[in-house]
PDB file of N, CA and C in Angstrom:
ATOM      1  N   MET A   1     -10.159  78.958 -26.105  1.00  0.00           N
ATOM      2  CA  MET A   1     -10.751  79.652 -27.193  1.00  0.00           C
ATOM      3  C   MET A   1     -11.663  80.774 -26.732  1.00  0.00           C
ATOM      4  N   ALA A   2     -12.431  80.511 -25.684  1.00  0.00           N
ATOM      5  CA  ALA A   2     -13.350  81.514 -25.128  1.00  0.00           C
ATOM      6  C   ALA A   2     -12.618  82.784 -24.720  1.00  0.00           C
ATOM      7  N   ASP A   3     -11.412  82.591 -24.152  1.00  0.00           N
ATOM      8  CA  ASP A   3     -10.637  83.768 -23.745  1.00  0.00           C
ATOM      9  C   ASP A   3     -10.266  84.640 -24.939  1.00  0.00           C
ATOM     10  N   THR A   4      -9.885  84.021 -26.003  1.00  0.00           N
ATOM     11  CA  THR A   4      -9.480  84.746 -27.200  1.00  0.00           C
ATOM     12  C   THR A   4     -10.720  85.498 -27.763  1.00  0.00           C
ATOM     13  N   LEU A   5     -11.870  84.818 -27.820  1.00  0.00           N
ATOM     14  CA  LEU A   5     -13.099  85.492 -28.300  1.00  0.00           C
ATOM     15  C   LEU A   5     -13.479  86.627 -27.381  1.00  0.00           C
ATOM     16  N   GLU A   6     -13.340  86.443 -26.077  1.00  0.00           N
ATOM     17  CA  GLU A   6     -13.660  87.537 -25.130  1.00  0.00           C
ATOM     18  C   GLU A   6     -12.806  88.770 -25.437  1.00  0.00           C
ATOM     19  N   ASP A   7     -11.501  88.526 -25.698  1.00  0.00           N
ATOM     20  CA  ASP A   7     -10.604  89.639 -25.963  1.00  0.00           C
ATOM     21  C   ASP A   7     -11.005  90.340 -27.280  1.00  0.00           C
ATOM     22  N   VAL A   8     -11.312  89.566 -28.315  1.00  0.00           N
ATOM     23  CA  VAL A   8     -11.757  90.122 -29.588  1.00  0.00           C
ATOM     24  C   VAL A   8     -13.059  90.904 -29.411  1.00  0.00           C
ATOM     25  N   LEU A   9     -13.972  90.326 -28.654  1.00  0.00           N
ATOM     26  CA  LEU A   9     -15.231  91.014 -28.416  1.00  0.00           C
ATOM     27  C   LEU A   9     -15.043  92.327 -27.646  1.00  0.00           C
ATOM     28  N   ASP A  10     -14.197  92.303 -26.655  1.00  0.00           N
ATOM     29  CA  ASP A  10     -13.902  93.547 -25.927  1.00  0.00           C
ATOM     30  C   ASP A  10     -13.339  94.616 -26.826  1.00  0.00           C
ATOM     31  N   ARG A  11     -12.410  94.199 -27.697  1.00  0.00           N
ATOM     32  CA  ARG A  11     -11.818  95.189 -28.602  1.00  0.00           C
ATOM     33  C   ARG A  11     -12.837  95.703 -29.606  1.00  0.00           C
ATOM     34  N   ALA A  12     -13.711  94.804 -30.042  1.00  0.00           N
ATOM     35  CA  ALA A  12     -14.786  95.172 -31.035  1.00  0.00           C
ATOM     36  C   ALA A  12     -15.669  96.190 -30.373  1.00  0.00           C
ATOM     37  N   ARG A  13     -16.094  95.922 -29.097  1.00  0.00           N
ATOM     38  CA  ARG A  13     -17.000  96.825 -28.396  1.00  0.00           C
ATOM     39  C   ARG A  13     -16.405  98.221 -28.231  1.00  0.00           C
ATOM     40  N   GLU A  14     -15.082  98.240 -28.076  1.00  0.00           N
ATOM     41  CA  GLU A  14     -14.367  99.517 -27.892  1.00  0.00           C
ATOM     42  C   GLU A  14     -14.166 100.265 -29.234  1.00  0.00           C
ATOM     43  N   GLY A  15     -13.954  99.523 -30.289  1.00  0.00           N
ATOM     44  CA  GLY A  15     -13.553 100.138 -31.532  1.00  0.00           C
ATOM     45  C   GLY A  15     -14.606 100.230 -32.617  1.00  0.00           C
ATOM     46  N   ILE A  16     -15.717  99.543 -32.464  1.00  0.00           N
ATOM     47  CA  ILE A  16     -16.748  99.552 -33.508  1.00  0.00           C
ATOM     48  C   ILE A  16     -17.907 100.436 -33.110  1.00  0.00           C
ATOM     49  N   ASP A  17     -18.343 101.222 -34.085  1.00  0.00           N
ATOM     50  CA  ASP A  17     -19.435 102.182 -33.888  1.00  0.00           C
ATOM     51  C   ASP A  17     -20.732 101.383 -33.934  1.00  0.00           C
ATOM     52  N   ARG A  18     -21.298 101.080 -32.770  1.00  0.00           N
ATOM     53  CA  ARG A  18     -22.540 100.303 -32.708  1.00  0.00           C
ATOM     54  C   ARG A  18     -23.783 101.102 -33.008  1.00  0.00           C
ATOM     55  N   SER A  19     -23.628 102.391 -33.230  1.00  0.00           N
ATOM     56  CA  SER A  19     -24.775 103.186 -33.576  1.00  0.00           C
ATOM     57  C   SER A  19     -25.140 102.974 -35.041  1.00  0.00           C
ATOM     58  N   GLU A  20     -24.221 102.417 -35.775  1.00  0.00           N
ATOM     59  CA  GLU A  20     -24.463 102.008 -37.205  1.00  0.00           C
ATOM     60  C   GLU A  20     -24.875 100.556 -37.229  1.00  0.00           C
ATOM     61  N   ALA A  21     -25.786 100.196 -38.087  1.00  0.00           N
ATOM     62  CA  ALA A  21     -26.286  98.811 -38.133  1.00  0.00           C
ATOM     63  C   ALA A  21     -25.163  97.817 -38.430  1.00  0.00           C
ATOM     64  N   LEU A  22     -24.271  98.128 -39.311  1.00  0.00           N
ATOM     65  CA  LEU A  22     -23.200  97.194 -39.672  1.00  0.00           C
ATOM     66  C   LEU A  22     -22.322  96.923 -38.457  1.00  0.00           C
ATOM     67  N   GLY A  23     -21.992  97.947 -37.676  1.00  0.00           N
ATOM     68  CA  GLY A  23     -21.196  97.752 -36.465  1.00  0.00           C
ATOM     69  C   GLY A  23     -21.961  96.881 -35.445  1.00  0.00           C
ATOM     70  N   GLU A  24     -23.244  97.135 -35.263  1.00  0.00           N
ATOM     71  CA  GLU A  24     -24.008  96.309 -34.368  1.00  0.00           C
ATOM     72  C   GLU A  24     -24.025  94.861 -34.801  1.00  0.00           C
ATOM     73  N   ALA A  25     -24.173  94.638 -36.114  1.00  0.00           N
ATOM     74  CA  ALA A  25     -24.147  93.228 -36.664  1.00  0.00           C
ATOM     75  C   ALA A  25     -22.818  92.565 -36.355  1.00  0.00           C
ATOM     76  N   GLN A  26     -21.732  93.277 -36.526  1.00  0.00           N
ATOM     77  CA  GLN A  26     -20.395  92.682 -36.252  1.00  0.00           C
ATOM     78  C   GLN A  26     -20.292  92.255 -34.778  1.00  0.00           C
ATOM     79  N   VAL A  27     -20.683  93.113 -33.882  1.00  0.00           N
ATOM     80  CA  VAL A  27     -20.566  92.827 -32.460  1.00  0.00           C
ATOM     81  C   VAL A  27     -21.516  91.650 -32.084  1.00  0.00           C
ATOM     82  N   ALA A  28     -22.715  91.670 -32.642  1.00  0.00           N
ATOM     83  CA  ALA A  28     -23.677  90.556 -32.363  1.00  0.00           C
ATOM     84  C   ALA A  28     -23.159  89.226 -32.829  1.00  0.00           C
ATOM     85  N   VAL A  29     -22.498  89.179 -33.940  1.00  0.00           N
ATOM     86  CA  VAL A  29     -21.914  87.920 -34.418  1.00  0.00           C
ATOM     87  C   VAL A  29     -20.830  87.380 -33.511  1.00  0.00           C
ATOM     88  N   LEU A  30     -20.014  88.284 -32.990  1.00  0.00           N
ATOM     89  CA  LEU A  30     -18.998  87.870 -32.032  1.00  0.00           C
ATOM     90  C   LEU A  30     -19.601  87.427 -30.741  1.00  0.00           C
ATOM     91  N   GLU A  31     -20.652  88.128 -30.311  1.00  0.00           N
ATOM     92  CA  GLU A  31     -21.374  87.656 -29.102  1.00  0.00           C
ATOM     93  C   GLU A  31     -21.909  86.272 -29.267  1.00  0.00           C
ATOM     94  N   ALA A  32     -22.514  86.007 -30.438  1.00  0.00           N
ATOM     95  CA  ALA A  32     -23.067  84.693 -30.704  1.00  0.00           C
ATOM     96  C   ALA A  32     -21.981  83.604 -30.668  1.00  0.00           C
ATOM     97  N   ALA A  33     -20.851  83.948 -31.291  1.00  0.00           N
ATOM     98  CA  ALA A  33     -19.716  82.981 -31.357  1.00  0.00           C
ATOM     99  C   ALA A  33     -19.226  82.655 -29.926  1.00  0.00           C
ATOM    100  N   LEU A  34     -19.120  83.656 -29.125  1.00  0.00           N
ATOM    101  CA  LEU A  34     -18.690  83.419 -27.700  1.00  0.00           C
ATOM    102  C   LEU A  34     -19.655  82.580 -26.952  1.00  0.00           C
ATOM    103  N   SER A  35     -20.968  82.825 -27.105  1.00  0.00           N
ATOM    104  CA  SER A  35     -21.963  82.018 -26.395  1.00  0.00           C
ATOM    105  C   SER A  35     -21.911  80.548 -26.890  1.00  0.00           C
ATOM    106  N   LEU A  36     -21.738  80.373 -28.168  1.00  0.00           N
ATOM    107  CA  LEU A  36     -21.651  78.991 -28.723  1.00  0.00           C
ATOM    108  C   LEU A  36     -20.423  78.258 -28.166  1.00  0.00           C
ATOM    109  N   VAL A  37     -19.294  78.962 -28.123  1.00  0.00           N
ATOM    110  CA  VAL A  37     -18.053  78.328 -27.586  1.00  0.00           C
ATOM    111  C   VAL A  37     -18.265  77.970 -26.124  1.00  0.00           C
ATOM    112  N   ARG A  38     -18.806  78.904 -25.379  1.00  0.00           N
ATOM    113  CA  ARG A  38     -19.034  78.609 -23.971  1.00  0.00           C
ATOM    114  C   ARG A  38     -20.012  77.439 -23.768  1.00  0.00           C
ATOM    115  N   ALA A  39     -21.020  77.346 -24.657  1.00  0.00           N
ATOM    116  CA  ALA A  39     -22.029  76.280 -24.493  1.00  0.00           C
ATOM    117  C   ALA A  39     -21.369  74.897 -24.837  1.00  0.00           C
ATOM    118  N   SER A  40     -20.314  74.904 -25.576  1.00  0.00           N
ATOM    119  CA  SER A  40     -19.678  73.647 -25.925  1.00  0.00           C
ATOM    120  C   SER A  40     -18.682  73.175 -24.870  1.00  0.00           C
ATOM    121  N   GLY A  41     -18.479  73.979 -23.831  1.00  0.00           N
ATOM    122  CA  GLY A  41     -17.516  73.613 -22.808  1.00  0.00           C
ATOM    123  C   GLY A  41     -17.891  72.339 -22.051  1.00  0.00           C
ATOM    124  N   GLU A  42     -16.899  71.562 -21.676  1.00  0.00           N
ATOM    125  CA  GLU A  42     -17.137  70.305 -21.026  1.00  0.00           C
ATOM    126  C   GLU A  42     -17.825  70.461 -19.661  1.00  0.00           C
ATOM    127  N   ARG A  43     -17.506  71.506 -18.956  1.00  0.00           N
ATOM    128  CA  ARG A  43     -18.145  71.659 -17.620  1.00  0.00           C
ATOM    129  C   ARG A  43     -19.601  71.850 -17.704  1.00  0.00           C
ATOM    130  N   LEU A  44     -20.119  72.243 -18.870  1.00  0.00           N
ATOM    131  CA  LEU A  44     -21.572  72.402 -19.013  1.00  0.00           C
ATOM    132  C   LEU A  44     -22.287  71.126 -19.299  1.00  0.00           C
ATOM    133  N   ALA A  45     -21.543  70.044 -19.552  1.00  0.00           N
ATOM    134  CA  ALA A  45     -22.171  68.759 -19.794  1.00  0.00           C
ATOM    135  C   ALA A  45     -23.029  68.312 -18.614  1.00  0.00           C
ATOM    136  N   GLN A  46     -22.678  68.760 -17.453  1.00  0.00           N
ATOM    137  CA  GLN A  46     -23.439  68.402 -16.288  1.00  0.00           C
ATOM    138  C   GLN A  46     -24.500  69.454 -15.912  1.00  0.00           C
ATOM    139  N   SER A  47     -24.601  70.495 -16.694  1.00  0.00           N
ATOM    140  CA  SER A  47     -25.594  71.551 -16.428  1.00  0.00           C
ATOM    141  C   SER A  47     -26.379  71.907 -17.683  1.00  0.00           C
ATOM    142  N   PRO A  48     -27.341  71.092 -18.029  1.00  0.00           N
ATOM    143  CA  PRO A  48     -28.106  71.287 -19.262  1.00  0.00           C
ATOM    144  C   PRO A  48     -28.831  72.683 -19.267  1.00  0.00           C
ATOM    145  N   SER A  49     -29.253  73.114 -18.089  1.00  0.00           N
ATOM    146  CA  SER A  49     -29.986  74.400 -18.061  1.00  0.00           C
ATOM    147  C   SER A  49     -29.053  75.590 -18.433  1.00  0.00           C
ATOM    148  N   GLU A  50     -27.837  75.516 -17.905  1.00  0.00           N
ATOM    149  CA  GLU A  50     -26.855  76.598 -18.236  1.00  0.00           C
ATOM    150  C   GLU A  50     -26.499  76.554 -19.703  1.00  0.00           C
ATOM    151  N   ARG A  51     -26.331  75.343 -20.231  1.00  0.00           N
ATOM    152  CA  ARG A  51     -26.000  75.221 -21.681  1.00  0.00           C
ATOM    153  C   ARG A  51     -27.227  75.745 -22.506  1.00  0.00           C
ATOM    154  N   ALA A  52     -28.385  75.409 -22.106  1.00  0.00           N
ATOM    155  CA  ALA A  52     -29.586  75.914 -22.827  1.00  0.00           C
ATOM    156  C   ALA A  52     -29.638  77.429 -22.833  1.00  0.00           C
ATOM    157  N   GLU A  53     -29.329  78.019 -21.655  1.00  0.00           N
ATOM    158  CA  GLU A  53     -29.272  79.484 -21.565  1.00  0.00           C
ATOM    159  C   GLU A  53     -28.263  80.129 -22.515  1.00  0.00           C
ATOM    160  N   LEU A  54     -27.077  79.537 -22.590  1.00  0.00           N
ATOM    161  CA  LEU A  54     -26.060  80.040 -23.503  1.00  0.00           C
ATOM    162  C   LEU A  54     -26.508  79.889 -24.989  1.00  0.00           C
ATOM    163  N   LEU A  55     -27.167  78.779 -25.288  1.00  0.00           N
ATOM    164  CA  LEU A  55     -27.685  78.609 -26.634  1.00  0.00           C
ATOM    165  C   LEU A  55     -28.781  79.605 -26.965  1.00  0.00           C
ATOM    166  N   ARG A  56     -29.595  79.921 -25.977  1.00  0.00           N
ATOM    167  CA  ARG A  56     -30.622  80.955 -26.192  1.00  0.00           C
ATOM    168  C   ARG A  56     -29.967  82.314 -26.422  1.00  0.00           C
ATOM    169  N   GLU A  57     -28.932  82.618 -25.696  1.00  0.00           N
ATOM    170  CA  GLU A  57     -28.184  83.874 -25.860  1.00  0.00           C
ATOM    171  C   GLU A  57     -27.579  83.923 -27.263  1.00  0.00           C
ATOM    172  N   ALA A  58     -26.993  82.802 -27.729  1.00  0.00           N
ATOM    173  CA  ALA A  58     -26.399  82.740 -29.055  1.00  0.00           C
ATOM    174  C   ALA A  58     -27.488  83.019 -30.108  1.00  0.00           C
ATOM    175  N   LEU A  59     -28.627  82.381 -29.910  1.00  0.00           N
ATOM    176  CA  LEU A  59     -29.715  82.549 -30.895  1.00  0.00           C
ATOM    177  C   LEU A  59     -30.198  84.031 -30.956  1.00  0.00           C
ATOM    178  N   ALA A  60     -30.311  84.630 -29.756  1.00  0.00           N
ATOM    179  CA  ALA A  60     -30.722  86.047 -29.688  1.00  0.00           C
ATOM    180  C   ALA A  60     -29.702  86.935 -30.411  1.00  0.00           C
ATOM    181  N   SER A  61     -28.433  86.610 -30.239  1.00  0.00           N
ATOM    182  CA  SER A  61     -27.378  87.439 -30.870  1.00  0.00           C
ATOM    183  C   SER A  61     -27.407  87.241 -32.418  1.00  0.00           C
ATOM    184  N   VAL A  62     -27.690  86.033 -32.853  1.00  0.00           N
ATOM    185  CA  VAL A  62     -27.783  85.793 -34.310  1.00  0.00           C
ATOM    186  C   VAL A  62     -28.970  86.540 -34.866  1.00  0.00           C
ATOM    187  N   ARG A  63     -30.074  86.512 -34.125  1.00  0.00           N
ATOM    188  CA  ARG A  63     -31.250  87.280 -34.583  1.00  0.00           C
ATOM    189  C   ARG A  63     -30.959  88.771 -34.677  1.00  0.00           C
ATOM    190  N   ALA A  64     -30.234  89.293 -33.662  1.00  0.00           N
ATOM    191  CA  ALA A  64     -29.872  90.697 -33.692  1.00  0.00           C
ATOM    192  C   ALA A  64     -28.990  91.025 -34.876  1.00  0.00           C
ATOM    193  N   ALA A  65     -28.041  90.132 -35.142  1.00  0.00           N
ATOM    194  CA  ALA A  65     -27.149  90.313 -36.256  1.00  0.00           C
ATOM    195  C   ALA A  65     -27.894  90.279 -37.562  1.00  0.00           C
ATOM    196  N   THR A  66     -28.851  89.434 -37.677  1.00  0.00           N
ATOM    197  CA  THR A  66     -29.676  89.301 -38.887  1.00  0.00           C
ATOM    198  C   THR A  66     -30.449  90.621 -39.157  1.00  0.00           C
ATOM    199  N   VAL A  67     -31.120  91.112 -38.120  1.00  0.00           N
ATOM    200  CA  VAL A  67     -31.850  92.346 -38.218  1.00  0.00           C
ATOM    201  C   VAL A  67     -30.948  93.516 -38.623  1.00  0.00           C
ATOM    202  N   ALA A  68     -29.857  93.616 -37.889  1.00  0.00           N
ATOM    203  CA  ALA A  68     -28.890  94.745 -38.119  1.00  0.00           C
ATOM    204  C   ALA A  68     -28.308  94.644 -39.525  1.00  0.00           C
ATOM    205  N   THR A  69     -28.016  93.467 -39.986  1.00  0.00           N
ATOM    206  CA  THR A  69     -27.469  93.302 -41.376  1.00  0.00           C
ATOM    207  C   THR A  69     -28.556  93.648 -42.396  1.00  0.00           C
ATOM    208  N   GLY A  70     -29.835  93.264 -42.129  1.00  0.00           N
ATOM    209  CA  GLY A  70     -30.900  93.689 -43.044  1.00  0.00           C
ATOM    210  C   GLY A  70     -31.023  95.188 -43.121  1.00  0.00           C
ATOM    211  N   ILE A  71     -30.882  95.855 -42.025  1.00  0.00           N
ATOM    212  CA  ILE A  71     -30.948  97.313 -41.979  1.00  0.00           C
ATOM    213  C   ILE A  71     -29.789  97.876 -42.760  1.00  0.00           C
ATOM    214  N   ALA A  72     -28.594  97.327 -42.540  1.00  0.00           N
ATOM    215  CA  ALA A  72     -27.386  97.831 -43.286  1.00  0.00           C
ATOM    216  C   ALA A  72     -27.523  97.658 -44.780  1.00  0.00           C
ATOM    217  N   VAL A  73     -28.088  96.534 -45.218  1.00  0.00           N
ATOM    218  CA  VAL A  73     -28.319  96.314 -46.615  1.00  0.00           C
ATOM    219  C   VAL A  73     -29.322  97.330 -47.192  1.00  0.00           C
ATOM    220  N   THR A  74     -30.423  97.566 -46.495  1.00  0.00           N
ATOM    221  CA  THR A  74     -31.447  98.547 -46.926  1.00  0.00           C
ATOM    222  C   THR A  74     -30.792  99.884 -47.040  1.00  0.00           C
ATOM    223  N   ARG A  75     -30.017 100.315 -46.045  1.00  0.00           N
ATOM    224  CA  ARG A  75     -29.362 101.595 -46.091  1.00  0.00           C
ATOM    225  C   ARG A  75     -28.355 101.673 -47.249  1.00  0.00           C
ATOM    226  N   ALA A  76     -27.661 100.569 -47.557  1.00  0.00           N
ATOM    227  CA  ALA A  76     -26.713 100.556 -48.632  1.00  0.00           C
ATOM    228  C   ALA A  76     -27.423 100.809 -49.961  1.00  0.00           C
ATOM    229  N   HIS A  77     -28.593 100.233 -50.082  1.00  0.00           N
ATOM    230  CA  HIS A  77     -29.394 100.443 -51.308  1.00  0.00           C
ATOM    231  C   HIS A  77     -29.822 101.902 -51.476  1.00  0.00           C
ATOM    232  N   ARG A  78     -29.966 102.567 -50.390  1.00  0.00           N
ATOM    233  CA  ARG A  78     -30.408 103.967 -50.396  1.00  0.00           C
ATOM    234  C   ARG A  78     -29.258 104.932 -50.573  1.00  0.00           C
ATOM    235  N   SER A  79     -28.075 104.539 -50.267  1.00  0.00           N
ATOM    236  CA  SER A  79     -26.925 105.461 -50.240  1.00  0.00           C
ATOM    237  C   SER A  79     -25.881 105.021 -51.320  1.00  0.00           C
ATOM    238  N   PRO A  80     -25.756 105.734 -52.369  1.00  0.00           N
ATOM    239  CA  PRO A  80     -24.742 105.360 -53.394  1.00  0.00           C
ATOM    240  C   PRO A  80     -23.356 105.276 -52.856  1.00  0.00           C
ATOM    241  N   VAL A  81     -23.022 106.099 -51.868  1.00  0.00           N
ATOM    242  CA  VAL A  81     -21.657 106.111 -51.328  1.00  0.00           C
ATOM    243  C   VAL A  81     -21.364 104.792 -50.607  1.00  0.00           C
ATOM    244  N   VAL A  82     -22.279 104.374 -49.752  1.00  0.00           N
ATOM    245  CA  VAL A  82     -22.147 103.113 -49.032  1.00  0.00           C
ATOM    246  C   VAL A  82     -22.245 101.946 -49.961  1.00  0.00           C
ATOM    247  N   ALA A  83     -23.204 102.028 -50.926  1.00  0.00           N
ATOM    248  CA  ALA A  83     -23.391 100.975 -51.887  1.00  0.00           C
ATOM    249  C   ALA A  83     -22.174 100.719 -52.727  1.00  0.00           C
ATOM    250  N   ALA A  84     -21.438 101.754 -53.012  1.00  0.00           N
ATOM    251  CA  ALA A  84     -20.255 101.616 -53.827  1.00  0.00           C
ATOM    252  C   ALA A  84     -19.194 100.752 -53.139  1.00  0.00           C
ATOM    253  N   GLN A  85     -19.284 100.648 -51.805  1.00  0.00           N
ATOM    254  CA  GLN A  85     -18.327  99.839 -51.090  1.00  0.00           C
ATOM    255  C   GLN A  85     -18.786  98.410 -50.956  1.00  0.00           C
ATOM    256  N   LEU A  86     -19.996  98.066 -51.361  1.00  0.00           N
ATOM    257  CA  LEU A  86     -20.496  96.657 -51.303  1.00  0.00           C
ATOM    258  C   LEU A  86     -20.744  96.160 -52.689  1.00  0.00           C
ATOM    259  N   PRO A  87     -20.009  95.152 -53.159  1.00  0.00           N
ATOM    260  CA  PRO A  87     -20.204  94.636 -54.506  1.00  0.00           C
ATOM    261  C   PRO A  87     -21.614  94.141 -54.728  1.00  0.00           C
ATOM    262  N   GLY A  88     -22.151  94.492 -55.917  1.00  0.00           N
ATOM    263  CA  GLY A  88     -23.504  94.034 -56.241  1.00  0.00           C
ATOM    264  C   GLY A  88     -24.593  94.890 -55.707  1.00  0.00           C
ATOM    265  N   LEU A  89     -24.257  95.936 -54.951  1.00  0.00           N
ATOM    266  CA  LEU A  89     -25.283  96.746 -54.388  1.00  0.00           C
ATOM    267  C   LEU A  89     -25.327  98.180 -54.977  1.00  0.00           C
ATOM    268  N   LEU A  90     -24.604  98.402 -56.073  1.00  0.00           N
ATOM    269  CA  LEU A  90     -24.729  99.643 -56.755  1.00  0.00           C
ATOM    270  C   LEU A  90     -26.102  99.771 -57.441  1.00  0.00           C
ATOM    271  N   PRO A  91     -26.671 100.935 -57.412  1.00  0.00           N
ATOM    272  CA  PRO A  91     -27.968 101.075 -58.110  1.00  0.00           C
ATOM    273  C   PRO A  91     -27.863 100.646 -59.581  1.00  0.00           C
ATOM    274  N   GLY A  92     -28.857  99.870 -59.967  1.00  0.00           N
ATOM    275  CA  GLY A  92     -28.912  99.369 -61.338  1.00  0.00           C
ATOM    276  C   GLY A  92     -28.101  98.114 -61.606  1.00  0.00           C
ATOM    277  N   THR A  93     -27.457  97.543 -60.580  1.00  0.00           N
ATOM    278  CA  THR A  93     -26.735  96.304 -60.750  1.00  0.00           C
ATOM    279  C   THR A  93     -27.470  95.215 -59.981  1.00  0.00           C
ATOM    280  N   PRO A  94     -27.389  93.987 -60.486  1.00  0.00           N
ATOM    281  CA  PRO A  94     -28.119  92.921 -59.797  1.00  0.00           C
ATOM    282  C   PRO A  94     -27.480  92.601 -58.433  1.00  0.00           C
ATOM    283  N   ALA A  95     -28.322  92.240 -57.511  1.00  0.00           N
ATOM    284  CA  ALA A  95     -27.824  91.878 -56.190  1.00  0.00           C
ATOM    285  C   ALA A  95     -27.027  90.558 -56.267  1.00  0.00           C
ATOM    286  N   VAL A  96     -26.022  90.439 -55.406  1.00  0.00           N
ATOM    287  CA  VAL A  96     -25.227  89.239 -55.320  1.00  0.00           C
ATOM    288  C   VAL A  96     -25.963  88.203 -54.479  1.00  0.00           C
ATOM    289  N   ARG A  97     -26.154  87.037 -54.982  1.00  0.00           N
ATOM    290  CA  ARG A  97     -26.853  85.990 -54.222  1.00  0.00           C
ATOM    291  C   ARG A  97     -25.839  85.188 -53.453  1.00  0.00           C
ATOM    292  N   ILE A  98     -26.062  84.971 -52.216  1.00  0.00           N
ATOM    293  CA  ILE A  98     -25.140  84.164 -51.419  1.00  0.00           C
ATOM    294  C   ILE A  98     -25.807  82.848 -51.012  1.00  0.00           C
TER     295      ILE A  98
END
């Protein structure tokens, strides 16, 4: 599974514009997923420090994705064009609760 995620992450890094917050969030989520899959590997059962490092990396990626997504939402509220692409984010409409 890690190999598949690595391939997807490589393609995402090549094809996603990370200068935009939404693109950065997408890549960060994939990085977190890869770290979590690697941390669950059986060979790491004998190396708690390596597992802990991968879990820290996953947490850092999730934090980055959270910040980038927050920025993307803020920008969507400011831009009617972008907001039109996100349900519930049009000016004057209630936000969608997840």
